[in-house]
């Protein structure tokens, strides 16, 4: 049985603007990684101080909301971690 001929397919036209738009991602800013790590560490220390001080510190009058503040710092660190390349 003879082999069928292969058809040459035309490549679709891609403009130069679109072809160059998908360049490599940019590098992260220099301040991003230190600020991200600082958010993690401050949040962790905030929660540890809250537990060690028997819920009296870092801010005495807000009580268990100190946990929310500590996790807020950690969440801030995670939000910056999503932008890190």
Protein backbone atom coordinates (compact mmCIF):
# COMPACT_ATOMS: atom_id res chain seq x y z
CA UNK A 1 0.00 0.00 0.00
CA UNK A 2 1.55 3.35 -0.96
CA UNK A 3 2.15 5.95 1.75
CA UNK A 4 0.03 9.08 1.45
CA UNK A 5 1.73 12.37 0.87
CA UNK A 6 2.22 14.70 3.86
CA UNK A 7 0.53 18.04 3.54
CA UNK A 8 2.47 21.11 4.49
CA UNK A 9 0.53 23.12 7.03
CA UNK A 10 0.85 26.86 7.02
CA UNK A 11 1.98 28.40 10.26
CA UNK A 12 -0.50 30.89 11.71
CA UNK A 13 0.55 34.53 11.52
CA UNK A 14 1.73 35.96 14.84
CA UNK A 15 2.50 39.64 14.98
CA UNK A 16 5.81 40.78 16.44
CA UNK A 17 4.10 42.59 19.31
CA UNK A 18 2.45 39.38 20.46
CA UNK A 19 5.55 37.25 19.91
CA UNK A 20 7.71 39.49 22.09
CA UNK A 21 5.06 40.04 24.77
CA UNK A 22 5.69 36.66 26.40
CA UNK A 23 9.16 37.52 27.63
CA UNK A 24 10.76 36.07 30.72
CA UNK A 25 9.31 37.16 34.07
CA UNK A 26 11.06 40.01 35.79
CA UNK A 27 13.24 39.49 38.82
CA UNK A 28 11.78 40.31 42.22
CA UNK A 29 12.54 43.68 43.75
CA UNK A 30 15.39 43.67 46.28
CA UNK A 31 13.08 44.67 49.15
CA UNK A 32 10.57 41.86 48.66
CA UNK A 33 12.40 38.92 50.24
CA UNK A 34 13.57 40.76 53.40
CA UNK A 35 10.11 42.22 53.96
CA UNK A 36 8.49 38.82 53.43
CA UNK A 37 10.81 37.11 55.93
CA UNK A 38 10.32 40.00 58.38
CA UNK A 39 6.54 39.51 58.19
CA UNK A 40 6.92 35.82 58.99
CA UNK A 41 9.31 36.43 61.89
CA UNK A 42 7.37 39.33 63.43
CA UNK A 43 4.14 37.35 63.26
CA UNK A 44 5.75 34.30 64.81
CA UNK A 45 7.37 36.34 67.58
CA UNK A 46 4.09 38.16 68.25
CA UNK A 47 2.25 34.87 68.76
CA UNK A 48 5.07 33.37 70.87
CA UNK A 49 5.18 36.44 73.15
CA UNK A 50 1.39 36.26 73.48
CA UNK A 51 1.55 32.66 74.67
CA UNK A 52 4.63 33.02 76.89
CA UNK A 53 3.22 36.08 78.67
CA UNK A 54 -0.03 34.22 79.50
CA UNK A 55 -2.05 36.40 77.12
CA UNK A 56 -0.94 39.73 78.72
CA UNK A 57 1.43 41.06 76.05
CA UNK A 58 2.25 42.45 73.37
CA UNK A 59 -0.89 44.62 73.61
CA UNK A 60 -2.51 44.03 77.02
CA UNK A 61 -6.07 45.28 76.49
CA UNK A 62 -7.02 43.50 73.28
CA UNK A 63 -6.73 39.97 74.68
CA UNK A 64 -7.04 37.17 72.15
CA UNK A 65 -7.05 39.65 69.25
CA UNK A 66 -3.27 39.53 69.62
CA UNK A 67 -3.50 36.22 67.76
CA UNK A 68 -5.24 37.95 64.86
CA UNK A 69 -2.50 40.59 64.76
CA UNK A 70 0.21 37.89 64.75
CA UNK A 71 -1.48 35.90 62.01
CA UNK A 72 -2.00 39.15 60.12
CA UNK A 73 1.77 39.62 59.95
CA UNK A 74 2.18 36.01 58.80
CA UNK A 75 -0.54 36.48 56.16
CA UNK A 76 1.25 39.63 54.99
CA UNK A 77 4.42 37.55 54.56
CA UNK A 78 2.52 34.93 52.57
CA UNK A 79 0.95 37.56 50.34
CA UNK A 80 4.43 38.84 49.51
CA UNK A 81 5.62 35.27 48.95
CA UNK A 82 3.18 34.94 46.06
CA UNK A 83 5.02 37.74 44.21
CA UNK A 84 8.51 36.37 44.77
CA UNK A 85 10.35 35.01 41.70
